[in-house]
Amino acid sequence: MKFQTPIKWTGIKRKQSEEIVSMILNKEYDTYFEPFCGSCSVLFQVLHSDLKFKNYICSDINNDLIQLWNKIKYNPNEVICHYKKLWEELSSLNDIEDKKKYFNFIRDRFNKTRNPLDFMFIIRTTTNGLIRYNKKNEFNNTYHLGRNGITPKRLEKIVNEWSYVLNKYNVKFINQSYLNIKPKKNDFIYLDPPYANTKGMYYGSINLDELWNFLRNVNCNYILSFDGKTNYKDLTYEVPKDLYNNFYYIYSGQSSFRKIAKINEDLNVYESLYVKET
């Protein structure tokens, strides 16, 4: 199923979501957990599949992200109207330097207030949709010079579609670490943690030994996305073999970070997928 996401997020799995969901064992589950939820592309694909879950819990340590998801779920019109206002103000400016100043003004305001409505605007108008914070937990990516962001009309359709589905299935969004989730045997977890080779450049970092120990104590089925390879370099991480039954590479297109770094080679990127069935 093809779809668009209201939130653009680093490492978005929209294009790979159908393939990932096809690897989930088809049975009746209790709770679907997505503890590094990002753009929630895999969740959306699950909600439009034949898979059956009683509950859906998406979480992340990034509270900016969770606050925005809750706004999209409960107050879609507020999200749309605020974005439309800022987008029209940005679009009315003709000089590129004025556009950069306006973006920086909204970005600085967001870093002070953490308003999720401002967050929607900056992640939709930032360079290559790259989510990046500095050590002070301030969003610090720059304005995308080549465009003004998704149009309000297109965003309205996407936000309303997602809001309807999120409410239909009563998806819960919680600001918490993956360590706080308590999955049971008949649950399922999809994990897409920060990758080892990103070195915390997007939003913090992760203690991999802690993650592996967490997974060793999980007694339900799960799928883990992690570092893969390109046609030029193999970055596949040595995930402990006791943590999965099956391993796959799935095609994920071009890396937004490589665009930022001005690496112009034709890079075919493949991510690793680890499937565990208990």
C-alpha atoms as a PDB file:
ATOM      1  CA  MET A   1       0.000   0.000   0.000  1.00  0.00           C
ATOM      2  CA  LYS A   2       1.378   3.411  -1.016  1.00  0.00           C
ATOM      3  CA  PHE A   3       0.845   6.346   1.343  1.00  0.00           C
ATOM      4  CA  GLN A   4       2.350   9.622   2.570  1.00  0.00           C
ATOM      5  CA  THR A   5       3.291  10.450   6.160  1.00  0.00           C
ATOM      6  CA  PRO A   6       2.487  13.734   7.941  1.00  0.00           C
ATOM      7  CA  ILE A   7       5.828  13.584   9.775  1.00  0.00           C
ATOM      8  CA  LYS A   8       9.054  13.280   7.806  1.00  0.00           C
ATOM      9  CA  TRP A   9      11.647  11.584   9.976  1.00  0.00           C
ATOM     10  CA  THR A  10      15.233  10.480   9.614  1.00  0.00           C
ATOM     11  CA  GLY A  11      15.337   6.822   8.607  1.00  0.00           C
ATOM     12  CA  ILE A  12      11.693   6.852   7.485  1.00  0.00           C
ATOM     13  CA  LYS A  13      10.490   3.355   6.521  1.00  0.00           C
ATOM     14  CA  ARG A  14       7.603   4.343   4.232  1.00  0.00           C
ATOM     15  CA  LYS A  15       9.003   2.638   1.131  1.00  0.00           C
ATOM     16  CA  GLN A  16      10.092  -0.464   3.034  1.00  0.00           C
ATOM     17  CA  SER A  17       7.027  -0.747   5.285  1.00  0.00           C
ATOM     18  CA  GLU A  18       5.063  -3.173   3.121  1.00  0.00           C
ATOM     19  CA  GLU A  19       8.020  -5.564   2.895  1.00  0.00           C
ATOM     20  CA  ILE A  20       8.654  -5.321   6.635  1.00  0.00           C
ATOM     21  CA  VAL A  21       5.012  -5.973   7.527  1.00  0.00           C
ATOM     22  CA  SER A  22       4.909  -8.963   5.169  1.00  0.00           C
ATOM     23  CA  MET A  23       7.482 -10.627   7.449  1.00  0.00           C
ATOM     24  CA  ILE A  24       5.279 -10.419  10.553  1.00  0.00           C
ATOM     25  CA  LEU A  25       3.822 -13.819  11.361  1.00  0.00           C
ATOM     26  CA  ASN A  26       0.104 -13.631  10.652  1.00  0.00           C
ATOM     27  CA  LYS A  27      -1.755 -14.522  13.822  1.00  0.00           C
ATOM     28  CA  GLU A  28      -3.901 -12.716  16.377  1.00  0.00           C
ATOM     29  CA  TYR A  29      -1.803 -10.576  18.732  1.00  0.00           C
ATOM     30  CA  ASP A  30      -2.529  -8.577  21.840  1.00  0.00           C
ATOM     31  CA  THR A  31      -0.390  -5.418  21.597  1.00  0.00           C
ATOM     32  CA  TYR A  32       1.689  -3.904  18.816  1.00  0.00           C
ATOM     33  CA  PHE A  33       4.660  -1.959  20.184  1.00  0.00           C
ATOM     34  CA  GLU A  34       6.784   0.479  18.189  1.00  0.00           C
ATOM     35  CA  PRO A  35       9.254   1.991  20.695  1.00  0.00           C
ATOM     36  CA  PHE A  36      11.280   4.090  18.187  1.00  0.00           C
ATOM     37  CA  CYS A  37       8.220   5.268  16.324  1.00  0.00           C
ATOM     38  CA  GLY A  38       9.547   8.116  14.128  1.00  0.00           C
ATOM     39  CA  SER A  39       7.238   8.538  11.131  1.00  0.00           C
ATOM     40  CA  CYS A  40       5.142   5.484  12.160  1.00  0.00           C
ATOM     41  CA  SER A  41       5.228   4.154   8.598  1.00  0.00           C
ATOM     42  CA  VAL A  42       5.322   0.527   9.701  1.00  0.00           C
ATOM     43  CA  LEU A  43       2.422   1.157  12.084  1.00  0.00           C
ATOM     44  CA  PHE A  44       0.350   2.654   9.271  1.00  0.00           C
ATOM     45  CA  GLN A  45       1.060  -0.335   7.046  1.00  0.00           C
ATOM     46  CA  VAL A  46       0.095  -2.682   9.899  1.00  0.00           C
ATOM     47  CA  LEU A  47      -3.206  -0.836  10.363  1.00  0.00           C
ATOM     48  CA  HIS A  48      -4.005  -1.414   6.681  1.00  0.00           C
ATOM     49  CA  SER A  49      -3.000  -5.069   6.677  1.00  0.00           C
ATOM     50  CA  ASP A  50      -4.783  -8.293   7.633  1.00  0.00           C
ATOM     51  CA  LEU A  51      -2.839  -8.476  10.901  1.00  0.00           C
ATOM     52  CA  LYS A  52      -4.986  -8.299  14.028  1.00  0.00           C
ATOM     53  CA  PHE A  53      -3.962  -6.504  17.224  1.00  0.00           C
ATOM     54  CA  LYS A  54      -6.061  -5.494  20.217  1.00  0.00           C
ATOM     55  CA  ASN A  55      -3.848  -2.530  21.187  1.00  0.00           C
ATOM     56  CA  TYR A  56      -1.278  -0.240  19.561  1.00  0.00           C
ATOM     57  CA  ILE A  57       1.393   1.585  21.564  1.00  0.00           C
ATOM     58  CA  CYS A  58       3.961   3.815  19.867  1.00  0.00           C
ATOM     59  CA  SER A  59       6.655   5.530  21.895  1.00  0.00           C
ATOM     60  CA  ASP A  60       9.897   7.463  21.653  1.00  0.00           C
ATOM     61  CA  ILE A  61      12.315   9.296  23.945  1.00  0.00           C
ATOM     62  CA  ASN A  62      11.908  12.389  21.739  1.00  0.00           C
ATOM     63  CA  ASN A  63       9.045  14.249  23.389  1.00  0.00           C
ATOM     64  CA  ASP A  64       8.823  16.740  20.489  1.00  0.00           C
ATOM     65  CA  LEU A  65       7.860  13.855  18.235  1.00  0.00           C
ATOM     66  CA  ILE A  66       5.315  12.369  20.650  1.00  0.00           C
ATOM     67  CA  GLN A  67       3.682  15.742  21.311  1.00  0.00           C
ATOM     68  CA  LEU A  68       3.265  16.263  17.573  1.00  0.00           C
ATOM     69  CA  TRP A  69       1.768  12.809  17.049  1.00  0.00           C
ATOM     70  CA  ASN A  70      -0.771  13.493  19.778  1.00  0.00           C
ATOM     71  CA  LYS A  71      -1.631  16.812  18.133  1.00  0.00           C
ATOM     72  CA  ILE A  72      -2.186  15.042  14.816  1.00  0.00           C
ATOM     73  CA  LYS A  73      -4.386  12.465  16.505  1.00  0.00           C
ATOM     74  CA  TYR A  74      -6.502  14.755  18.684  1.00  0.00           C
ATOM     75  CA  ASN A  75      -6.257  18.219  17.053  1.00  0.00           C
ATOM     76  CA  PRO A  76      -5.690  17.805  13.304  1.00  0.00           C
ATOM     77  CA  ASN A  77      -7.320  21.129  12.400  1.00  0.00           C
ATOM     78  CA  GLU A  78      -4.983  22.979  14.755  1.00  0.00           C
ATOM     79  CA  VAL A  79      -1.983  21.336  13.074  1.00  0.00           C
ATOM     80  CA  ILE A  80      -3.244  22.188   9.596  1.00  0.00           C
ATOM     81  CA  CYS A  81      -4.185  25.812  10.343  1.00  0.00           C
ATOM     82  CA  HIS A  82      -0.917  26.629  12.083  1.00  0.00           C
ATOM     83  CA  TYR A  83       1.141  25.071   9.297  1.00  0.00           C
ATOM     84  CA  LYS A  84      -0.889  26.953   6.668  1.00  0.00           C
ATOM     85  CA  LYS A  85      -0.257  30.280   8.404  1.00  0.00           C
ATOM     86  CA  LEU A  86       3.509  29.772   8.640  1.00  0.00           C
ATOM     87  CA  TRP A  87       3.787  28.272   5.159  1.00  0.00           C
ATOM     88  CA  GLU A  88       1.965  31.241   3.604  1.00  0.00           C
ATOM     89  CA  GLU A  89       4.172  33.701   5.484  1.00  0.00           C
ATOM     90  CA  LEU A  90       7.284  31.886   4.262  1.00  0.00           C
ATOM     91  CA  SER A  91       5.976  31.657   0.687  1.00  0.00           C
ATOM     92  CA  SER A  92       5.245  35.385   0.570  1.00  0.00           C
ATOM     93  CA  LEU A  93       8.964  36.128   0.878  1.00  0.00           C
ATOM     94  CA  ASN A  94      10.873  36.404  -2.384  1.00  0.00           C
ATOM     95  CA  ASP A  95      14.457  36.769  -1.176  1.00  0.00           C
ATOM     96  CA  ILE A  96      16.151  33.523  -0.135  1.00  0.00           C
ATOM     97  CA  GLU A  97      17.920  35.244   2.763  1.00  0.00           C
ATOM     98  CA  ASP A  98      14.557  36.445   4.069  1.00  0.00           C
ATOM     99  CA  LYS A  99      13.227  32.886   3.843  1.00  0.00           C
ATOM    100  CA  LYS A 100      16.227  31.608   5.823  1.00  0.00           C
ATOM    101  CA  LYS A 101      15.695  34.293   8.467  1.00  0.00           C
ATOM    102  CA  TYR A 102      12.019  33.378   8.769  1.00  0.00           C
ATOM    103  CA  PHE A 103      12.828  29.672   9.124  1.00  0.00           C
ATOM    104  CA  ASN A 104      15.484  30.473  11.745  1.00  0.00           C
ATOM    105  CA  PHE A 105      12.979  32.628  13.633  1.00  0.00           C
ATOM    106  CA  ILE A 106      10.476  29.749  13.835  1.00  0.00           C
ATOM    107  CA  ARG A 107      13.252  27.271  14.680  1.00  0.00           C
ATOM    108  CA  ASP A 108      14.547  29.498  17.505  1.00  0.00           C
ATOM    109  CA  ARG A 109      11.018  29.965  18.811  1.00  0.00           C
ATOM    110  CA  PHE A 110      10.486  26.218  18.798  1.00  0.00           C
ATOM    111  CA  ASN A 111      13.736  25.621  20.699  1.00  0.00           C
ATOM    112  CA  LYS A 112      12.475  27.965  23.423  1.00  0.00           C
ATOM    113  CA  THR A 113       8.828  26.855  23.626  1.00  0.00           C
ATOM    114  CA  ARG A 114       8.873  23.280  22.183  1.00  0.00           C
ATOM    115  CA  ASN A 115       5.568  24.028  20.486  1.00  0.00           C
ATOM    116  CA  PRO A 116       4.673  20.900  18.448  1.00  0.00           C
ATOM    117  CA  LEU A 117       2.883  23.042  15.861  1.00  0.00           C
ATOM    118  CA  ASP A 118       6.100  24.937  15.127  1.00  0.00           C
ATOM    119  CA  PHE A 119       7.884  21.587  15.070  1.00  0.00           C
ATOM    120  CA  MET A 120       5.642  20.404  12.233  1.00  0.00           C
ATOM    121  CA  PHE A 121       6.631  23.452  10.193  1.00  0.00           C
ATOM    122  CA  ILE A 122      10.389  23.193  10.701  1.00  0.00           C
ATOM    123  CA  ILE A 123      10.604  19.444  10.007  1.00  0.00           C
ATOM    124  CA  ARG A 124       8.637  19.996   6.810  1.00  0.00           C
ATOM    125  CA  THR A 125      10.878  22.832   5.591  1.00  0.00           C
ATOM    126  CA  THR A 126      14.292  21.720   6.845  1.00  0.00           C
ATOM    127  CA  THR A 127      17.106  20.510   4.584  1.00  0.00           C
ATOM    128  CA  ASN A 128      16.296  17.060   3.150  1.00  0.00           C
ATOM    129  CA  GLY A 129      13.906  16.418   6.063  1.00  0.00           C
ATOM    130  CA  LEU A 130      16.883  15.591   8.283  1.00  0.00           C
ATOM    131  CA  ILE A 131      16.044  15.593  12.007  1.00  0.00           C
ATOM    132  CA  ARG A 132      19.113  16.880  13.825  1.00  0.00           C
ATOM    133  CA  TYR A 133      19.739  18.240  17.325  1.00  0.00           C
ATOM    134  CA  ASN A 134      22.805  19.729  18.998  1.00  0.00           C
ATOM    135  CA  LYS A 135      24.172  18.814  22.430  1.00  0.00           C
ATOM    136  CA  LYS A 136      21.821  21.351  24.043  1.00  0.00           C
ATOM    137  CA  ASN A 137      18.852  19.412  22.619  1.00  0.00           C
ATOM    138  CA  GLU A 138      18.129  22.235  20.168  1.00  0.00           C
ATOM    139  CA  PHE A 139      16.945  21.507  16.655  1.00  0.00           C
ATOM    140  CA  ASN A 140      19.775  22.769  14.463  1.00  0.00           C
ATOM    141  CA  ASN A 141      19.226  21.688  10.881  1.00  0.00           C
ATOM    142  CA  THR A 142      18.851  24.487   8.319  1.00  0.00           C
ATOM    143  CA  TYR A 143      16.238  25.740   5.876  1.00  0.00           C
ATOM    144  CA  HIS A 144      15.806  23.771   2.667  1.00  0.00           C
ATOM    145  CA  LEU A 145      16.875  26.302   0.033  1.00  0.00           C
ATOM    146  CA  GLY A 146      15.118  24.626  -2.870  1.00  0.00           C
ATOM    147  CA  ARG A 147      11.524  24.524  -1.651  1.00  0.00           C
ATOM    148  CA  ASN A 148       8.968  25.916   0.794  1.00  0.00           C
ATOM    149  CA  GLY A 149       7.762  22.582   2.136  1.00  0.00           C
ATOM    150  CA  ILE A 150       4.664  20.518   1.447  1.00  0.00           C
ATOM    151  CA  THR A 151       1.643  22.630   0.491  1.00  0.00           C
ATOM    152  CA  PRO A 152      -1.055  23.084   3.162  1.00  0.00           C
ATOM    153  CA  LYS A 153      -3.656  21.483   0.895  1.00  0.00           C
ATOM    154  CA  ARG A 154      -1.630  18.289   0.519  1.00  0.00           C
ATOM    155  CA  LEU A 155      -0.751  18.212   4.211  1.00  0.00           C
ATOM    156  CA  GLU A 156      -4.397  18.667   5.206  1.00  0.00           C
ATOM    157  CA  LYS A 157      -5.411  15.522   3.335  1.00  0.00           C
ATOM    158  CA  ILE A 158      -2.579  13.483   4.867  1.00  0.00           C
ATOM    159  CA  VAL A 159      -3.095  14.729   8.442  1.00  0.00           C
ATOM    160  CA  ASN A 160      -6.850  14.100   8.336  1.00  0.00           C
ATOM    161  CA  GLU A 161      -6.346  10.593   6.949  1.00  0.00           C
ATOM    162  CA  TRP A 162      -3.875   9.713   9.686  1.00  0.00           C
ATOM    163  CA  SER A 163      -5.927  11.322  12.454  1.00  0.00           C
ATOM    164  CA  TYR A 164      -8.940   9.249  11.450  1.00  0.00           C
ATOM    165  CA  VAL A 165      -6.981   5.968  11.435  1.00  0.00           C
ATOM    166  CA  LEU A 166      -5.114   6.711  14.692  1.00  0.00           C
ATOM    167  CA  ASN A 167      -8.416   7.356  16.451  1.00  0.00           C
ATOM    168  CA  LYS A 168     -10.168   4.410  14.808  1.00  0.00           C
ATOM    169  CA  TYR A 169      -7.619   2.006  16.286  1.00  0.00           C
ATOM    170  CA  ASN A 170      -6.986   4.090  19.417  1.00  0.00           C
ATOM    171  CA  VAL A 171      -3.221   4.217  18.870  1.00  0.00           C
ATOM    172  CA  LYS A 172      -1.455   5.486  21.991  1.00  0.00           C
ATOM    173  CA  PHE A 173       1.636   7.726  21.801  1.00  0.00           C
ATOM    174  CA  ILE A 174       3.868   7.786  24.878  1.00  0.00           C
ATOM    175  CA  ASN A 175       7.099   9.648  25.632  1.00  0.00           C
ATOM    176  CA  GLN A 176       9.303   6.921  27.107  1.00  0.00           C
ATOM    177  CA  SER A 177      12.374   4.784  26.573  1.00  0.00           C
ATOM    178  CA  TYR A 178      12.061   1.368  24.969  1.00  0.00           C
ATOM    179  CA  LEU A 179      13.260   0.014  28.320  1.00  0.00           C
ATOM    180  CA  ASN A 180       9.902   0.988  29.824  1.00  0.00           C
ATOM    181  CA  ILE A 181       7.773  -1.220  27.618  1.00  0.00           C
ATOM    182  CA  LYS A 182       6.709  -4.547  29.118  1.00  0.00           C
ATOM    183  CA  PRO A 183       5.770  -6.842  26.231  1.00  0.00           C
ATOM    184  CA  LYS A 184       4.081 -10.172  26.877  1.00  0.00           C
ATOM    185  CA  LYS A 185       4.289 -13.413  24.941  1.00  0.00           C
ATOM    186  CA  ASN A 186       1.426 -12.656  22.567  1.00  0.00           C
ATOM    187  CA  ASP A 187       2.601  -9.136  21.730  1.00  0.00           C
ATOM    188  CA  PHE A 188       4.764  -7.966  18.821  1.00  0.00           C
ATOM    189  CA  ILE A 189       7.507  -5.307  18.664  1.00  0.00           C
ATOM    190  CA  TYR A 190       8.919  -3.474  15.671  1.00  0.00           C
ATOM    191  CA  LEU A 191      12.219  -1.758  16.557  1.00  0.00           C
ATOM    192  CA  ASP A 192      13.976   0.858  14.450  1.00  0.00           C
ATOM    193  CA  PRO A 193      16.579   2.299  16.868  1.00  0.00           C
ATOM    194  CA  PRO A 194      19.320   4.833  16.069  1.00  0.00           C
ATOM    195  CA  TYR A 195      21.851   3.020  13.935  1.00  0.00           C
ATOM    196  CA  ALA A 196      25.411   2.384  15.115  1.00  0.00           C
ATOM    197  CA  ASN A 197      26.970   4.365  12.263  1.00  0.00           C
ATOM    198  CA  THR A 198      24.953   7.542  12.971  1.00  0.00           C
ATOM    199  CA  LYS A 199      26.891   8.106  16.211  1.00  0.00           C
ATOM    200  CA  GLY A 200      24.020   9.963  17.847  1.00  0.00           C
ATOM    201  CA  MET A 201      23.884  12.703  15.191  1.00  0.00           C
ATOM    202  CA  TYR A 202      20.075  12.633  14.962  1.00  0.00           C
ATOM    203  CA  TYR A 203      18.773  12.501  18.511  1.00  0.00           C
ATOM    204  CA  GLY A 204      21.027  11.124  21.177  1.00  0.00           C
ATOM    205  CA  SER A 205      22.585   7.688  20.974  1.00  0.00           C
ATOM    206  CA  ILE A 206      21.810   4.217  22.216  1.00  0.00           C
ATOM    207  CA  ASN A 207      23.661   1.761  24.407  1.00  0.00           C
ATOM    208  CA  LEU A 208      23.692  -1.318  22.196  1.00  0.00           C
ATOM    209  CA  ASP A 209      24.642  -3.759  24.935  1.00  0.00           C
ATOM    210  CA  GLU A 210      21.611  -2.515  26.851  1.00  0.00           C
ATOM    211  CA  LEU A 211      19.437  -3.005  23.774  1.00  0.00           C
ATOM    212  CA  TRP A 212      20.714  -6.552  23.209  1.00  0.00           C
ATOM    213  CA  ASN A 213      20.059  -7.431  26.862  1.00  0.00           C
ATOM    214  CA  PHE A 214      16.567  -6.003  26.580  1.00  0.00           C
ATOM    215  CA  LEU A 215      15.852  -8.173  23.536  1.00  0.00           C
ATOM    216  CA  ARG A 216      17.202 -11.262  25.253  1.00  0.00           C
ATOM    217  CA  ASN A 217      14.520 -10.808  27.904  1.00  0.00           C
ATOM    218  CA  VAL A 218      11.721 -10.316  25.387  1.00  0.00           C
ATOM    219  CA  ASN A 219       9.593 -13.434  24.951  1.00  0.00           C
ATOM    220  CA  CYS A 220       7.457 -12.259  22.023  1.00  0.00           C
ATOM    221  CA  ASN A 221       8.047 -11.985  18.277  1.00  0.00           C
ATOM    222  CA  TYR A 222       9.849  -8.894  17.007  1.00  0.00           C
ATOM    223  CA  ILE A 223      11.560  -7.366  13.985  1.00  0.00           C
ATOM    224  CA  LEU A 224      14.646  -5.154  14.268  1.00  0.00           C
ATOM    225  CA  SER A 225      15.854  -2.756  11.553  1.00  0.00           C
ATOM    226  CA  PHE A 226      19.534  -1.857  11.731  1.00  0.00           C
ATOM    227  CA  ASP A 227      22.712  -0.905   9.863  1.00  0.00           C
ATOM    228  CA  GLY A 228      23.061  -2.408   6.395  1.00  0.00           C
ATOM    229  CA  LYS A 229      25.205  -1.753   3.359  1.00  0.00           C
ATOM    230  CA  THR A 230      25.572   0.257   0.160  1.00  0.00           C
ATOM    231  CA  ASN A 231      26.940  -0.835  -3.178  1.00  0.00           C
ATOM    232  CA  TYR A 232      30.228   0.777  -2.065  1.00  0.00           C
ATOM    233  CA  LYS A 233      30.529  -0.106   1.619  1.00  0.00           C
ATOM    234  CA  ASP A 234      29.286  -2.767   4.015  1.00  0.00           C
ATOM    235  CA  LEU A 235      28.206  -1.234   7.334  1.00  0.00           C
ATOM    236  CA  THR A 236      26.332  -4.300   8.570  1.00  0.00           C
ATOM    237  CA  TYR A 237      26.645  -4.479  12.338  1.00  0.00           C
ATOM    238  CA  GLU A 238      27.349  -7.768  14.104  1.00  0.00           C
ATOM    239  CA  VAL A 239      24.049  -8.162  15.906  1.00  0.00           C
ATOM    240  CA  PRO A 240      24.347 -11.137  18.296  1.00  0.00           C
ATOM    241  CA  LYS A 241      23.117 -14.243  16.516  1.00  0.00           C
ATOM    242  CA  ASP A 242      21.033 -15.399  19.470  1.00  0.00           C
ATOM    243  CA  LEU A 243      18.710 -12.415  18.943  1.00  0.00           C
ATOM    244  CA  TYR A 244      17.176 -13.470  15.632  1.00  0.00           C
ATOM    245  CA  ASN A 245      15.996 -16.439  13.567  1.00  0.00           C
ATOM    246  CA  ASN A 246      16.213 -14.864  10.111  1.00  0.00           C
ATOM    247  CA  PHE A 247      18.219 -12.075   8.502  1.00  0.00           C
ATOM    248  CA  TYR A 248      17.450 -10.052   5.340  1.00  0.00           C
ATOM    249  CA  TYR A 249      18.668  -7.009   3.445  1.00  0.00           C
ATOM    250  CA  ILE A 250      15.915  -4.699   2.216  1.00  0.00           C
ATOM    251  CA  TYR A 251      16.377  -1.855  -0.268  1.00  0.00           C
ATOM    252  CA  SER A 252      15.909   1.598   1.268  1.00  0.00           C
ATOM    253  CA  GLY A 253      16.875   4.046  -1.492  1.00  0.00           C
ATOM    254  CA  GLN A 254      19.079   7.081  -0.924  1.00  0.00           C
ATOM    255  CA  SER A 255      20.358   8.286   2.445  1.00  0.00           C
ATOM    256  CA  SER A 256      19.376  11.874   3.380  1.00  0.00           C
ATOM    257  CA  PHE A 257      22.581  12.166   5.404  1.00  0.00           C
ATOM    258  CA  ARG A 258      24.638  11.379   2.317  1.00  0.00           C
ATOM    259  CA  LYS A 259      22.885  14.226   0.510  1.00  0.00           C
ATOM    260  CA  ILE A 260      23.747  16.568   3.373  1.00  0.00           C
ATOM    261  CA  ALA A 261      27.361  15.419   3.238  1.00  0.00           C
ATOM    262  CA  LYS A 262      27.401  16.118  -0.531  1.00  0.00           C
ATOM    263  CA  ILE A 263      28.292  12.568  -1.482  1.00  0.00           C
ATOM    264  CA  ASN A 264      27.186  12.468  -5.091  1.00  0.00           C
ATOM    265  CA  GLU A 265      27.843   8.856  -6.063  1.00  0.00           C
ATOM    266  CA  ASP A 266      24.916   6.664  -7.080  1.00  0.00           C
ATOM    267  CA  LEU A 267      24.501   4.868  -3.755  1.00  0.00           C
ATOM    268  CA  ASN A 268      22.072   1.991  -3.428  1.00  0.00           C
ATOM    269  CA  VAL A 269      21.348   1.608   0.276  1.00  0.00           C
ATOM    270  CA  TYR A 270      20.198  -1.644   1.883  1.00  0.00           C
ATOM    271  CA  GLU A 271      19.195  -1.931   5.523  1.00  0.00           C
ATOM    272  CA  SER A 272      19.390  -5.031   7.675  1.00  0.00           C
ATOM    273  CA  LEU A 273      16.287  -6.714   9.013  1.00  0.00           C
ATOM    274  CA  TYR A 274      16.419  -9.200  11.892  1.00  0.00           C
ATOM    275  CA  VAL A 275      13.337 -11.331  12.479  1.00  0.00           C
ATOM    276  CA  LYS A 276      12.769 -13.169  15.758  1.00  0.00           C
ATOM    277  CA  GLU A 277       9.934 -15.644  16.220  1.00  0.00           C
ATOM    278  CA  THR A 278       9.592 -17.336  19.593  1.00  0.00           C
END
